[in-house]
Amino acid sequence: MKKRRNIMGAFYGAIHVKSEYKGEIKEALKKINESTKARFYISPVIDGWVGVYPDNHGQDEIIAEKLTAEIKNEIIQLIVHDDDVFIYTFHKNGKLIDRYNSNPDYFGEASEEEKKHAKGNPVVFSGLFSSDQINSIEELLDPDNVKNTVFTTELLAAFSDIFGLPNTMTSYEYLDNGETGDVREWDEFEKIG
């Protein structure tokens, strides 16, 4: 994928926690805020997911690591960086289970080992999503498909649609600036920090 210059793309970042109750997630975020000073928006439960929107456009993968250390739910972090890179991480039972990066050399040359660990393995979502959904994600992340994708927001949108993850096309800063027109259940979001 070619890196575009002098064009500012989208910066999206959110963490989605599988849960029917947001209380423990909210408490974990307060604890993370105390230790890191990171700020968040947290959504209500929507379709079985609680959305967490960390500041700095949700680009920091350490926040998902800290959250998964506090709660053991399934956690999917989705990141689009400048519309050039799409990243997901999947955590379960307090551990990083899978990671995908559409352009691992974007931030500097990645080692072969780093590239190997950034390919993603959607099969890890078994039990959480249907086999049809997982097959669709595998097709979406096929290297030939990704190579032909101009803006990685397209990957984020398709990934979110396939898995039914709500409110992925936003970030803390967009929410804080009032860009909430397409955000489901915005009136029930809470701010932490």
C-alpha atoms as a PDB file:
ATOM      1  CA  MET A   1       0.000   0.000   0.000  1.00  0.00           C
ATOM      2  CA  LYS A   2       1.447   3.348  -0.962  1.00  0.00           C
ATOM      3  CA  LYS A   3       1.771   5.975   1.676  1.00  0.00           C
ATOM      4  CA  ARG A   4       0.011   9.189   0.692  1.00  0.00           C
ATOM      5  CA  ARG A   5       1.661  12.499   1.437  1.00  0.00           C
ATOM      6  CA  ASN A   6       0.183  15.881   2.417  1.00  0.00           C
ATOM      7  CA  ILE A   7      -3.363  14.549   2.639  1.00  0.00           C
ATOM      8  CA  MET A   8      -4.863  14.208   6.064  1.00  0.00           C
ATOM      9  CA  GLY A   9      -6.906  11.046   6.352  1.00  0.00           C
ATOM     10  CA  ALA A  10      -9.210   9.815   9.058  1.00  0.00           C
ATOM     11  CA  PHE A  11      -8.057   8.804  12.525  1.00  0.00           C
ATOM     12  CA  TYR A  12     -10.526   6.429  14.163  1.00  0.00           C
ATOM     13  CA  GLY A  13     -10.010   4.393  17.284  1.00  0.00           C
ATOM     14  CA  ALA A  14     -12.311   2.511  19.594  1.00  0.00           C
ATOM     15  CA  ILE A  15     -12.282  -0.462  21.908  1.00  0.00           C
ATOM     16  CA  HIS A  16     -15.340  -2.710  21.895  1.00  0.00           C
ATOM     17  CA  VAL A  17     -16.001  -4.848  24.952  1.00  0.00           C
ATOM     18  CA  LYS A  18     -18.416  -7.776  24.764  1.00  0.00           C
ATOM     19  CA  SER A  19     -20.709  -7.232  27.737  1.00  0.00           C
ATOM     20  CA  GLU A  20     -24.304  -6.784  28.819  1.00  0.00           C
ATOM     21  CA  TYR A  21     -23.238  -4.521  31.696  1.00  0.00           C
ATOM     22  CA  LYS A  22     -20.981  -1.499  31.483  1.00  0.00           C
ATOM     23  CA  GLY A  23     -20.449  -0.951  35.230  1.00  0.00           C
ATOM     24  CA  GLU A  24     -17.235  -2.950  35.611  1.00  0.00           C
ATOM     25  CA  ILE A  25     -15.881  -1.486  32.375  1.00  0.00           C
ATOM     26  CA  LYS A  26     -16.567   2.027  33.646  1.00  0.00           C
ATOM     27  CA  GLU A  27     -14.780   1.255  36.938  1.00  0.00           C
ATOM     28  CA  ALA A  28     -11.791  -0.195  35.068  1.00  0.00           C
ATOM     29  CA  LEU A  29     -11.592   2.942  32.910  1.00  0.00           C
ATOM     30  CA  LYS A  30     -11.627   5.155  36.012  1.00  0.00           C
ATOM     31  CA  LYS A  31      -8.681   3.162  37.358  1.00  0.00           C
ATOM     32  CA  ILE A  32      -6.833   3.458  34.027  1.00  0.00           C
ATOM     33  CA  ASN A  33      -7.556   7.199  34.000  1.00  0.00           C
ATOM     34  CA  GLU A  34      -6.010   7.564  37.463  1.00  0.00           C
ATOM     35  CA  SER A  35      -2.780   5.856  36.391  1.00  0.00           C
ATOM     36  CA  THR A  36      -2.436   7.228  32.845  1.00  0.00           C
ATOM     37  CA  LYS A  37      -4.554  10.412  32.746  1.00  0.00           C
ATOM     38  CA  ALA A  38      -6.130   9.032  29.553  1.00  0.00           C
ATOM     39  CA  ARG A  39      -9.671  10.282  28.942  1.00  0.00           C
ATOM     40  CA  PHE A  40     -12.550   8.274  27.533  1.00  0.00           C
ATOM     41  CA  TYR A  41     -16.078   8.250  26.294  1.00  0.00           C
ATOM     42  CA  ILE A  42     -17.999   5.083  27.119  1.00  0.00           C
ATOM     43  CA  SER A  43     -21.175   4.045  25.358  1.00  0.00           C
ATOM     44  CA  PRO A  44     -24.141   2.203  26.779  1.00  0.00           C
ATOM     45  CA  VAL A  45     -24.498  -1.471  25.889  1.00  0.00           C
ATOM     46  CA  ILE A  46     -25.464  -1.596  22.208  1.00  0.00           C
ATOM     47  CA  ASP A  47     -26.095  -4.975  20.588  1.00  0.00           C
ATOM     48  CA  GLY A  48     -24.063  -6.686  23.324  1.00  0.00           C
ATOM     49  CA  TRP A  49     -21.044  -4.355  23.056  1.00  0.00           C
ATOM     50  CA  VAL A  50     -19.808  -1.439  25.138  1.00  0.00           C
ATOM     51  CA  GLY A  51     -17.767   1.059  23.142  1.00  0.00           C
ATOM     52  CA  VAL A  52     -14.774   2.770  24.725  1.00  0.00           C
ATOM     53  CA  TYR A  53     -13.292   5.788  22.957  1.00  0.00           C
ATOM     54  CA  PRO A  54      -9.846   6.737  24.338  1.00  0.00           C
ATOM     55  CA  ASP A  55      -8.341  10.161  23.682  1.00  0.00           C
ATOM     56  CA  ASN A  56      -5.596  10.598  21.081  1.00  0.00           C
ATOM     57  CA  HIS A  57      -8.026   9.154  18.524  1.00  0.00           C
ATOM     58  CA  GLY A  58      -7.823   5.731  20.207  1.00  0.00           C
ATOM     59  CA  GLN A  59      -4.437   5.067  18.602  1.00  0.00           C
ATOM     60  CA  ASP A  60      -2.725   3.732  21.752  1.00  0.00           C
ATOM     61  CA  GLU A  61      -2.884  -0.071  21.927  1.00  0.00           C
ATOM     62  CA  ILE A  62      -1.656   0.021  25.521  1.00  0.00           C
ATOM     63  CA  ILE A  63      -5.117   1.170  26.671  1.00  0.00           C
ATOM     64  CA  ALA A  64      -6.691  -2.079  25.411  1.00  0.00           C
ATOM     65  CA  GLU A  65      -3.922  -4.020  27.165  1.00  0.00           C
ATOM     66  CA  LYS A  66      -4.617  -2.226  30.434  1.00  0.00           C
ATOM     67  CA  LEU A  67      -8.360  -2.767  30.045  1.00  0.00           C
ATOM     68  CA  THR A  68      -7.970  -6.485  29.356  1.00  0.00           C
ATOM     69  CA  ALA A  69      -5.788  -6.771  32.463  1.00  0.00           C
ATOM     70  CA  GLU A  70      -8.707  -5.355  34.489  1.00  0.00           C
ATOM     71  CA  ILE A  71     -11.567  -7.306  32.897  1.00  0.00           C
ATOM     72  CA  LYS A  72     -11.479 -10.660  31.130  1.00  0.00           C
ATOM     73  CA  ASN A  73     -14.185 -10.031  28.514  1.00  0.00           C
ATOM     74  CA  GLU A  74     -13.603 -10.294  24.777  1.00  0.00           C
ATOM     75  CA  ILE A  75     -12.158  -6.974  23.634  1.00  0.00           C
ATOM     76  CA  ILE A  76     -11.677  -5.813  20.059  1.00  0.00           C
ATOM     77  CA  GLN A  77      -9.712  -2.628  19.423  1.00  0.00           C
ATOM     78  CA  LEU A  78     -10.100  -1.077  15.972  1.00  0.00           C
ATOM     79  CA  ILE A  79      -7.762   1.624  14.677  1.00  0.00           C
ATOM     80  CA  VAL A  80      -7.495   3.573  11.439  1.00  0.00           C
ATOM     81  CA  HIS A  81      -4.399   5.762  11.250  1.00  0.00           C
ATOM     82  CA  ASP A  82      -4.470   8.588   8.695  1.00  0.00           C
ATOM     83  CA  ASP A  83      -6.556   6.352   6.396  1.00  0.00           C
ATOM     84  CA  ASP A  84      -3.327   4.473   5.590  1.00  0.00           C
ATOM     85  CA  VAL A  85      -3.358   1.721   8.210  1.00  0.00           C
ATOM     86  CA  PHE A  86      -6.108  -0.489   9.634  1.00  0.00           C
ATOM     87  CA  ILE A  87      -5.304  -2.365  12.836  1.00  0.00           C
ATOM     88  CA  TYR A  88      -7.286  -4.665  15.042  1.00  0.00           C
ATOM     89  CA  THR A  89      -6.325  -6.397  18.246  1.00  0.00           C
ATOM     90  CA  PHE A  90      -8.383  -9.077  19.958  1.00  0.00           C
ATOM     91  CA  HIS A  91      -8.043  -9.797  23.659  1.00  0.00           C
ATOM     92  CA  LYS A  92      -9.715 -12.556  25.634  1.00  0.00           C
ATOM     93  CA  ASN A  93      -9.308 -13.759  29.210  1.00  0.00           C
ATOM     94  CA  GLY A  94      -6.762 -11.021  29.874  1.00  0.00           C
ATOM     95  CA  LYS A  95      -4.481 -11.928  26.963  1.00  0.00           C
ATOM     96  CA  LEU A  96      -3.754 -10.658  23.474  1.00  0.00           C
ATOM     97  CA  ILE A  97      -5.087 -13.395  21.205  1.00  0.00           C
ATOM     98  CA  ASP A  98      -4.719 -11.887  17.741  1.00  0.00           C
ATOM     99  CA  ARG A  99      -3.415  -8.802  15.953  1.00  0.00           C
ATOM    100  CA  TYR A 100      -3.788  -7.509  12.425  1.00  0.00           C
ATOM    101  CA  ASN A 101      -2.020  -4.594  10.729  1.00  0.00           C
ATOM    102  CA  SER A 102      -2.762  -3.789   7.080  1.00  0.00           C
ATOM    103  CA  ASN A 103       0.601  -2.045   6.633  1.00  0.00           C
ATOM    104  CA  PRO A 104       3.146  -3.215   9.238  1.00  0.00           C
ATOM    105  CA  ASP A 105       5.997  -1.211   7.665  1.00  0.00           C
ATOM    106  CA  TYR A 106       4.087   2.088   7.910  1.00  0.00           C
ATOM    107  CA  PHE A 107       5.732   3.291  11.139  1.00  0.00           C
ATOM    108  CA  GLY A 108       9.149   1.908  10.212  1.00  0.00           C
ATOM    109  CA  GLU A 109      10.451  -1.304   8.742  1.00  0.00           C
ATOM    110  CA  ALA A 110       8.945  -4.257  10.600  1.00  0.00           C
ATOM    111  CA  SER A 111      10.861  -7.466  11.154  1.00  0.00           C
ATOM    112  CA  GLU A 112       9.629 -10.693   9.566  1.00  0.00           C
ATOM    113  CA  GLU A 113       8.539 -11.827  13.038  1.00  0.00           C
ATOM    114  CA  GLU A 114       6.486  -8.638  13.527  1.00  0.00           C
ATOM    115  CA  LYS A 115       4.909  -9.070  10.106  1.00  0.00           C
ATOM    116  CA  LYS A 116       4.066 -12.686  10.884  1.00  0.00           C
ATOM    117  CA  HIS A 117       2.286 -11.621  14.091  1.00  0.00           C
ATOM    118  CA  ALA A 118       0.390  -8.833  12.303  1.00  0.00           C
ATOM    119  CA  LYS A 119      -1.361 -10.990   9.691  1.00  0.00           C
ATOM    120  CA  GLY A 120      -4.442 -11.659  11.781  1.00  0.00           C
ATOM    121  CA  ASN A 121      -6.199 -14.966  12.213  1.00  0.00           C
ATOM    122  CA  PRO A 122      -9.964 -14.350  12.208  1.00  0.00           C
ATOM    123  CA  VAL A 123     -10.595 -17.970  13.225  1.00  0.00           C
ATOM    124  CA  VAL A 124      -9.896 -16.798  16.785  1.00  0.00           C
ATOM    125  CA  PHE A 125     -13.314 -15.122  16.708  1.00  0.00           C
ATOM    126  CA  SER A 126     -15.018 -18.562  16.677  1.00  0.00           C
ATOM    127  CA  GLY A 127     -17.647 -18.753  19.375  1.00  0.00           C
ATOM    128  CA  LEU A 128     -18.123 -15.002  19.231  1.00  0.00           C
ATOM    129  CA  PHE A 129     -19.217 -14.705  15.594  1.00  0.00           C
ATOM    130  CA  SER A 130     -20.630 -17.095  13.002  1.00  0.00           C
ATOM    131  CA  SER A 131     -18.449 -19.030  10.579  1.00  0.00           C
ATOM    132  CA  ASP A 132     -19.984 -17.005   7.721  1.00  0.00           C
ATOM    133  CA  GLN A 133     -18.926 -13.765   9.412  1.00  0.00           C
ATOM    134  CA  ILE A 134     -15.424 -15.124  10.020  1.00  0.00           C
ATOM    135  CA  ASN A 135     -15.142 -16.243   6.376  1.00  0.00           C
ATOM    136  CA  SER A 136     -16.200 -12.744   5.280  1.00  0.00           C
ATOM    137  CA  ILE A 137     -13.487 -11.187   7.481  1.00  0.00           C
ATOM    138  CA  GLU A 138     -10.890 -13.563   6.013  1.00  0.00           C
ATOM    139  CA  GLU A 139     -11.912 -12.451   2.503  1.00  0.00           C
ATOM    140  CA  LEU A 140     -11.840  -8.789   3.558  1.00  0.00           C
ATOM    141  CA  LEU A 141      -8.311  -9.105   4.959  1.00  0.00           C
ATOM    142  CA  ASP A 142      -6.981 -11.105   2.020  1.00  0.00           C
ATOM    143  CA  PRO A 143      -3.733  -9.344   1.009  1.00  0.00           C
ATOM    144  CA  ASP A 144      -4.930  -8.820  -2.580  1.00  0.00           C
ATOM    145  CA  ASN A 145      -8.117  -7.135  -1.360  1.00  0.00           C
ATOM    146  CA  VAL A 146      -6.215  -4.958   1.109  1.00  0.00           C
ATOM    147  CA  LYS A 147      -3.690  -3.965  -1.567  1.00  0.00           C
ATOM    148  CA  ASN A 148      -6.557  -2.686  -3.726  1.00  0.00           C
ATOM    149  CA  THR A 149      -8.106  -0.670  -0.895  1.00  0.00           C
ATOM    150  CA  VAL A 150      -7.370   3.044  -1.247  1.00  0.00           C
ATOM    151  CA  PHE A 151      -8.563   4.252   2.168  1.00  0.00           C
ATOM    152  CA  THR A 152      -8.369   1.927   5.171  1.00  0.00           C
ATOM    153  CA  THR A 153     -11.584   3.434   6.517  1.00  0.00           C
ATOM    154  CA  GLU A 154     -13.190   1.098   3.959  1.00  0.00           C
ATOM    155  CA  LEU A 155     -11.673  -1.888   5.799  1.00  0.00           C
ATOM    156  CA  LEU A 156     -12.892  -0.559   9.148  1.00  0.00           C
ATOM    157  CA  ALA A 157     -16.408  -0.009   7.817  1.00  0.00           C
ATOM    158  CA  ALA A 158     -16.620  -3.471   6.264  1.00  0.00           C
ATOM    159  CA  PHE A 159     -15.114  -5.165   9.355  1.00  0.00           C
ATOM    160  CA  SER A 160     -17.631  -3.366  11.580  1.00  0.00           C
ATOM    161  CA  ASP A 161     -20.558  -4.212   9.315  1.00  0.00           C
ATOM    162  CA  ILE A 162     -19.650  -7.893   9.111  1.00  0.00           C
ATOM    163  CA  PHE A 163     -19.308  -8.254  12.881  1.00  0.00           C
ATOM    164  CA  GLY A 164     -22.092  -5.795  13.742  1.00  0.00           C
ATOM    165  CA  LEU A 165     -19.894  -3.545  15.868  1.00  0.00           C
ATOM    166  CA  PRO A 166     -21.614  -0.201  16.511  1.00  0.00           C
ATOM    167  CA  ASN A 167     -20.137   3.303  16.365  1.00  0.00           C
ATOM    168  CA  THR A 168     -16.731   2.438  14.963  1.00  0.00           C
ATOM    169  CA  MET A 169     -16.377   5.370  12.577  1.00  0.00           C
ATOM    170  CA  THR A 170     -15.489   7.878  15.273  1.00  0.00           C
ATOM    171  CA  SER A 171     -12.997   8.642  18.024  1.00  0.00           C
ATOM    172  CA  TYR A 172     -12.773  10.576  21.278  1.00  0.00           C
ATOM    173  CA  GLU A 173     -11.823  13.819  19.531  1.00  0.00           C
ATOM    174  CA  TYR A 174     -14.632  13.626  16.985  1.00  0.00           C
ATOM    175  CA  LEU A 175     -17.136  12.934  19.777  1.00  0.00           C
ATOM    176  CA  ASP A 176     -15.693  15.732  21.904  1.00  0.00           C
ATOM    177  CA  ASN A 177     -16.037  18.141  18.962  1.00  0.00           C
ATOM    178  CA  GLY A 178     -19.726  17.342  18.650  1.00  0.00           C
ATOM    179  CA  GLU A 179     -19.495  15.123  15.575  1.00  0.00           C
ATOM    180  CA  THR A 180     -22.182  12.808  16.915  1.00  0.00           C
ATOM    181  CA  GLY A 181     -24.907  12.842  14.255  1.00  0.00           C
ATOM    182  CA  ASP A 182     -24.390   9.211  13.212  1.00  0.00           C
ATOM    183  CA  VAL A 183     -23.497   7.919  16.683  1.00  0.00           C
ATOM    184  CA  ARG A 184     -26.077   5.490  18.012  1.00  0.00           C
ATOM    185  CA  GLU A 185     -27.403   6.264  21.505  1.00  0.00           C
ATOM    186  CA  TRP A 186     -25.100   9.282  21.883  1.00  0.00           C
ATOM    187  CA  ASP A 187     -27.318  10.730  24.634  1.00  0.00           C
ATOM    188  CA  GLU A 188     -26.335   7.807  26.892  1.00  0.00           C
ATOM    189  CA  PHE A 189     -22.553   8.117  26.456  1.00  0.00           C
ATOM    190  CA  GLU A 190     -20.510   9.110  29.507  1.00  0.00           C
ATOM    191  CA  LYS A 191     -17.187  10.912  29.716  1.00  0.00           C
ATOM    192  CA  ILE A 192     -14.406   9.711  32.017  1.00  0.00           C
ATOM    193  CA  GLY A 193     -11.470  11.952  32.851  1.00  0.00           C
END
